[in-house]
Amino acid sequence: MKNRSSIVLFLISLVFISSTYAQTYIIKGAGTSLNYSTDKSLGDIFLDSQTYVNNIAQEERNNSAIINQIGDKNKIILKTQSNTSDVTILQQGDYNNALIKVKANSISETVLQIGNYHKLIDFSTSSSIHNLELTQNGNRQNLIWHGGNSISEELIISMKGENQSIIVRNFN
């Protein structure tokens, strides 16, 4: 009898321990809330969150990073040094990686990784403006971006499909 109660207690504790690793995201604002109902698509939810963030007064934020991760084993390393920055990353899927180390006067970066096994490596250390809009939709998309110059100030990259790689080198 004592052995059974020990096993039941152990199983109940496993249930409570495993539930503590879930992610919960609640946004509270002055009279504003986001509706995460099940009838909205992921894209609509993402756009709603961006609208909410953009409604914040500009003088309240000079630097912001918004990260949304849905799935397993997604990883982001983000290091920026700037006067103003606005970085938004959405990872939906499994095993997506983003490594972003950028130094610029102004940074604006939007990354959408939808699918599995996407990789982004973004290194830039000496540009005045760093703007990137990246969409990786599919599986195993890779983008490596080194440096920055006036040609790449307004870079928009859309990758769709399977197993694609792009390397962008920007040097003066």
Protein backbone atom coordinates (compact mmCIF):
# COMPACT_ATOMS: atom_id res chain seq x y z
CA MET A 1 0.00 0.00 0.00
CA LYS A 2 2.81 2.37 0.89
CA ASN A 3 4.53 1.55 -2.41
CA ARG A 4 1.40 2.40 -4.43
CA SER A 5 0.93 5.75 -2.70
CA SER A 6 4.58 6.58 -3.37
CA ILE A 7 4.14 5.83 -7.07
CA VAL A 8 0.95 7.91 -7.29
CA LEU A 9 2.63 10.80 -5.50
CA PHE A 10 5.59 10.56 -7.87
CA LEU A 11 3.33 10.61 -10.96
CA ILE A 12 1.39 13.61 -9.68
CA SER A 13 4.61 15.49 -9.01
CA LEU A 14 5.79 14.75 -12.57
CA VAL A 15 2.63 16.33 -13.95
CA PHE A 16 3.16 19.51 -11.95
CA ILE A 17 6.88 19.70 -12.72
CA SER A 18 6.35 19.28 -16.46
CA SER A 19 3.67 21.97 -16.55
CA THR A 20 6.06 24.58 -15.13
CA TYR A 21 8.06 24.66 -18.38
CA ALA A 22 5.20 26.06 -20.48
CA GLN A 23 5.49 29.59 -21.86
CA THR A 24 2.84 32.13 -20.98
CA TYR A 25 2.71 35.53 -22.63
CA ILE A 26 0.29 38.16 -21.37
CA ILE A 27 0.30 41.73 -22.62
CA LYS A 28 -1.36 44.32 -20.44
CA GLY A 29 -1.70 47.93 -21.45
CA ALA A 30 -3.63 51.02 -20.58
CA GLY A 31 -7.00 50.04 -22.01
CA THR A 32 -5.43 47.92 -24.74
CA SER A 33 -5.24 44.17 -24.94
CA LEU A 34 -4.44 41.62 -27.59
CA ASN A 35 -7.00 38.98 -28.55
CA TYR A 36 -5.38 35.57 -29.04
CA SER A 37 -8.52 33.70 -30.04
CA THR A 38 -8.26 30.43 -31.92
CA ASP A 39 -9.98 31.79 -35.02
CA LYS A 40 -7.01 34.07 -35.83
CA SER A 41 -4.10 32.91 -37.93
CA LEU A 42 -0.52 33.14 -36.65
CA GLY A 43 0.17 36.01 -39.06
CA ASP A 44 -2.80 37.98 -37.72
CA ILE A 45 -1.67 37.46 -34.13
CA PHE A 46 1.85 38.60 -35.07
CA LEU A 47 0.50 41.72 -36.83
CA ASP A 48 -1.72 42.50 -33.83
CA SER A 49 1.31 42.39 -31.55
CA GLN A 50 3.19 44.73 -33.88
CA THR A 51 0.28 47.17 -33.96
CA TYR A 52 0.22 47.13 -30.16
CA VAL A 53 3.95 47.83 -29.95
CA ASN A 54 3.80 50.56 -32.59
CA ASN A 55 1.06 52.30 -30.60
CA ILE A 56 3.49 52.89 -27.74
CA ALA A 57 4.69 56.50 -27.78
CA GLN A 58 7.97 56.84 -29.67
CA GLU A 59 9.64 58.81 -26.89
CA GLU A 60 9.02 55.90 -24.51
CA ARG A 61 11.21 53.52 -26.53
CA ASN A 62 14.42 54.11 -28.41
CA ASN A 63 15.44 50.47 -28.45
CA SER A 64 13.11 47.50 -28.53
CA ALA A 65 13.32 43.77 -29.14
CA ILE A 66 10.19 41.68 -29.60
CA ILE A 67 10.64 37.92 -29.74
CA ASN A 68 7.85 35.41 -30.39
CA GLN A 69 8.76 31.72 -30.40
CA ILE A 70 6.31 28.91 -31.13
CA GLY A 71 7.76 25.41 -31.27
CA ASP A 72 10.60 23.41 -29.80
CA LYS A 73 14.35 24.07 -29.58
CA ASN A 74 14.25 27.55 -31.16
CA LYS A 75 17.25 29.71 -30.26
CA ILE A 76 18.02 33.42 -30.56
CA ILE A 77 21.20 35.29 -29.66
CA LEU A 78 20.63 39.02 -30.08
CA LYS A 79 23.22 41.70 -29.34
CA THR A 80 22.76 45.22 -30.70
CA GLN A 81 24.55 48.48 -30.08
CA SER A 82 22.79 51.54 -31.47
CA ASN A 83 21.15 54.87 -30.76
CA THR A 84 17.78 53.51 -31.91
CA SER A 85 16.79 49.95 -32.69
CA ASP A 86 13.62 48.03 -33.42
CA VAL A 87 14.14 44.26 -33.71
CA THR A 88 11.23 41.86 -34.17
CA ILE A 89 11.70 38.10 -34.46
CA LEU A 90 9.04 35.42 -34.95
CA GLN A 91 10.03 31.76 -34.95
CA GLN A 92 7.28 29.24 -35.69
CA GLY A 93 8.48 25.67 -35.99
CA ASP A 94 11.30 23.66 -34.52
CA TYR A 95 15.10 24.06 -34.37
CA ASN A 96 15.20 27.60 -35.79
CA ASN A 97 18.31 29.66 -34.97
CA ALA A 98 19.04 33.38 -35.21
CA LEU A 99 22.40 34.90 -34.29
CA ILE A 100 22.32 38.69 -34.63
CA LYS A 101 25.24 40.89 -33.58
CA VAL A 102 24.82 44.35 -35.07
CA LYS A 103 26.43 47.70 -34.34
CA ALA A 104 24.95 50.71 -36.17
CA ASN A 105 23.46 54.12 -35.43
CA SER A 106 19.98 52.92 -36.41
CA ILE A 107 18.79 49.30 -36.55
CA SER A 108 15.49 48.02 -37.91
CA GLU A 109 15.24 44.27 -38.31
CA THR A 110 12.23 42.00 -38.83
CA VAL A 111 12.80 38.25 -39.05
CA LEU A 112 10.08 35.66 -39.73
CA GLN A 113 11.21 32.03 -39.57
CA ILE A 114 8.25 29.79 -40.41
CA GLY A 115 9.12 26.11 -40.69
CA ASN A 116 11.96 24.01 -39.33
CA TYR A 117 15.76 24.20 -39.17
CA HIS A 118 16.14 27.81 -40.39
CA LYS A 119 19.38 29.69 -39.68
CA LEU A 120 20.20 33.40 -39.68
CA ILE A 121 23.66 34.75 -38.97
CA ASP A 122 23.84 38.55 -39.10
CA PHE A 123 27.09 40.37 -38.28
CA SER A 124 27.46 44.07 -38.96
CA THR A 125 29.76 46.41 -37.07
CA SER A 126 30.30 49.64 -38.92
CA SER A 127 27.24 50.90 -40.79
CA SER A 128 25.18 53.94 -39.95
CA ILE A 129 21.87 52.29 -40.93
CA HIS A 130 21.08 48.59 -40.70
CA ASN A 131 17.67 47.54 -42.06
CA LEU A 132 16.74 43.94 -42.78
CA GLU A 133 13.40 42.35 -43.54
CA LEU A 134 13.78 38.56 -43.77
CA THR A 135 11.15 35.89 -44.34
CA GLN A 136 12.19 32.24 -44.27
CA ASN A 137 9.21 30.03 -45.15
CA GLY A 138 9.75 26.30 -45.64
CA ASN A 139 12.54 24.19 -44.19
CA ARG A 140 16.33 24.47 -43.91
CA GLN A 141 16.72 28.07 -45.14
CA ASN A 142 20.09 29.69 -44.37
CA LEU A 143 21.10 33.36 -44.54
CA ILE A 144 24.54 34.65 -43.63
CA TRP A 145 24.98 38.43 -43.73
CA HIS A 146 28.35 40.11 -43.05
CA GLY A 147 28.95 43.84 -42.92
CA GLY A 148 26.90 46.71 -44.20
CA ASN A 149 27.02 49.50 -46.75
CA SER A 150 24.66 51.85 -48.58
CA ILE A 151 23.57 49.13 -51.02
CA SER A 152 22.20 46.92 -48.24
CA GLU A 153 20.52 49.63 -46.15
CA GLU A 154 17.01 48.58 -47.19
CA LEU A 155 17.51 44.85 -47.73
CA ILE A 156 14.39 42.67 -48.10
CA ILE A 157 14.90 38.91 -48.48
CA SER A 158 12.12 36.36 -48.91
CA MET A 159 13.12 32.70 -48.97
CA LYS A 160 10.50 30.06 -49.79
CA GLY A 161 10.93 26.35 -50.31
CA GLU A 162 13.47 23.85 -49.10
CA ASN A 163 17.24 23.79 -48.57
CA GLN A 164 18.30 27.27 -49.76
CA SER A 165 21.31 29.30 -48.68
CA ILE A 166 22.19 32.96 -49.26
CA ILE A 167 25.46 34.64 -48.28
CA VAL A 168 25.55 38.45 -48.41
CA ARG A 169 28.88 40.23 -47.95
CA ASN A 170 28.75 44.03 -47.74
CA PHE A 171 32.06 45.82 -47.45
CA ASN A 172 33.07 49.32 -48.48
